[in-house]
Structures are given as structure tokens and as C-alpha cells.
Amino acid sequence: MTKNELIDNLAKEAGLTKTVAKQVLETILAQTTKTLKKEGRFALAGLGTFDVVKRAKRTARNPRTGEPIIVKAHKAVRFKPAKALKDEVS
């Protein structure tokens, strides 16, 4: 599902205009990002938890040349689905 399809479905299900549905979705995404930056964790009941994790520096290989390259230490976002979501999907 694309972002536009999600906006369309949100508008239909909630009885909103597409403009309002887009604003709602963008507000949720912005709030998620803001919370992850500030607190490092964002949990949404029934969906799951997003956590900011630190990835250590490591050596990897360029798949094209086989040459070793260094991947710098960085932060990444990890998602752990809620039990309700896992049960619904499986």
C-alpha cells in the first residue's frame, strides 16, 4: 500500500476529505519522528514499538567488487510488532 492509497482509505473510513486525511497522517508521522528523536522509543498499542538502536562500526564487502569497506557506527530504527498484529497477520 502506498501513502496515497493509505490517505484514500483513511478518508473513506473516517469520512474525511483527502486533504484532512493527509494532514492527519503527516501529523502522526511527524509526531512519531519527533518522539523517536527525543525519547528513542515510540509505542502504538496494537501496532508495535519503534526503537532507536545504535549500530556498531563494522567491515562489510562491496558485492560488486568483493572489496572490504568500513560501515561507520550509526543509529537505526527497529520495529517490533505487537502480539495482536502478529496474531492478525498469521
Protein backbone atom coordinates (compact mmCIF):
# COMPACT_ATOMS: atom_id res chain seq x y z
CA MET A 1 0.00 0.00 0.00
CA THR A 2 1.32 3.42 -0.90
CA LYS A 3 0.99 6.60 1.13
CA ASN A 4 -1.67 7.92 -1.28
CA GLU A 5 -3.66 4.69 -1.01
CA LEU A 6 -3.48 4.93 2.78
CA ILE A 7 -4.74 8.53 2.63
CA ASP A 8 -7.61 7.47 0.35
CA ASN A 9 -8.60 4.61 2.69
CA LEU A 10 -8.33 6.83 5.77
CA ALA A 11 -10.54 9.46 4.13
CA LYS A 12 -13.19 6.87 3.20
CA GLU A 13 -13.19 5.02 6.54
CA ALA A 14 -13.24 8.16 8.72
CA GLY A 15 -15.49 10.24 6.45
CA LEU A 16 -12.82 12.90 5.97
CA THR A 17 -11.67 14.83 2.96
CA LYS A 18 -8.41 13.69 1.42
CA THR A 19 -6.78 16.95 2.50
CA VAL A 20 -7.70 16.40 6.15
CA ALA A 21 -6.73 12.72 5.98
CA LYS A 22 -3.32 13.70 4.56
CA GLN A 23 -2.82 16.24 7.38
CA VAL A 24 -3.73 13.60 9.98
CA LEU A 25 -1.30 11.06 8.53
CA GLU A 26 1.53 13.59 8.21
CA THR A 27 0.93 14.75 11.80
CA ILE A 28 1.17 11.15 13.05
CA LEU A 29 4.38 10.58 11.09
CA ALA A 30 5.89 13.86 12.31
CA GLN A 31 4.97 13.08 15.92
CA THR A 32 6.49 9.60 15.60
CA THR A 33 9.75 11.07 14.29
CA LYS A 34 9.81 13.77 16.97
CA THR A 35 9.25 11.23 19.75
CA LEU A 36 11.93 8.88 18.39
CA LYS A 37 14.44 11.75 18.27
CA LYS A 38 13.58 12.93 21.78
CA GLU A 39 12.89 9.69 23.66
CA GLY A 40 14.29 6.96 21.43
CA ARG A 41 11.08 4.93 21.62
CA PHE A 42 7.56 5.15 20.20
CA ALA A 43 4.89 2.57 21.07
CA LEU A 44 1.48 2.30 19.50
CA ALA A 45 -0.84 -0.26 21.10
CA GLY A 46 -1.99 -2.90 18.65
CA LEU A 47 0.69 -2.00 16.09
CA GLY A 48 4.07 -2.28 17.81
CA THR A 49 7.10 -0.43 19.08
CA PHE A 50 9.72 1.61 17.24
CA ASP A 51 13.11 1.89 18.99
CA VAL A 52 16.27 3.80 18.08
CA VAL A 53 19.25 1.42 18.32
CA LYS A 54 22.97 2.03 17.91
CA ARG A 55 24.78 0.03 15.26
CA ALA A 56 28.50 -0.50 15.78
CA LYS A 57 31.17 0.19 13.18
CA ARG A 58 31.77 -2.89 11.04
CA THR A 59 33.53 -4.20 7.99
CA ALA A 60 31.37 -5.19 5.04
CA ARG A 61 32.08 -6.19 1.46
CA ASN A 62 31.19 -4.44 -1.76
CA PRO A 63 29.10 -7.14 -3.50
CA ARG A 64 30.23 -6.00 -6.93
CA THR A 65 33.99 -5.97 -6.34
CA GLY A 66 34.35 -8.03 -3.16
CA GLU A 67 36.41 -5.18 -1.72
CA PRO A 68 36.12 -4.66 2.07
CA ILE A 69 34.55 -1.37 3.15
CA ILE A 70 34.05 0.21 6.57
CA VAL A 71 30.47 0.99 7.63
CA LYS A 72 30.52 3.77 10.25
CA ALA A 73 28.70 3.45 13.55
CA HIS A 74 25.20 4.88 13.23
CA LYS A 75 21.70 4.88 14.68
CA ALA A 76 18.87 2.90 13.13
CA VAL A 77 15.17 2.39 13.82
CA ARG A 78 13.99 -1.08 14.81
CA PHE A 79 10.33 -2.12 14.73
CA LYS A 80 8.90 -4.85 16.92
CA PRO A 81 5.31 -5.76 16.04
CA ALA A 82 2.71 -6.11 18.79
CA LYS A 83 1.35 -9.56 19.59
CA ALA A 84 -2.09 -8.51 18.32
CA LEU A 85 -0.60 -7.58 14.93
CA LYS A 86 1.38 -10.82 14.68
CA ASP A 87 -1.71 -12.85 15.55
CA GLU A 88 -3.85 -10.99 12.99
CA VAL A 89 -1.34 -11.46 10.17
CA SER A 90 -0.59 -15.14 10.79
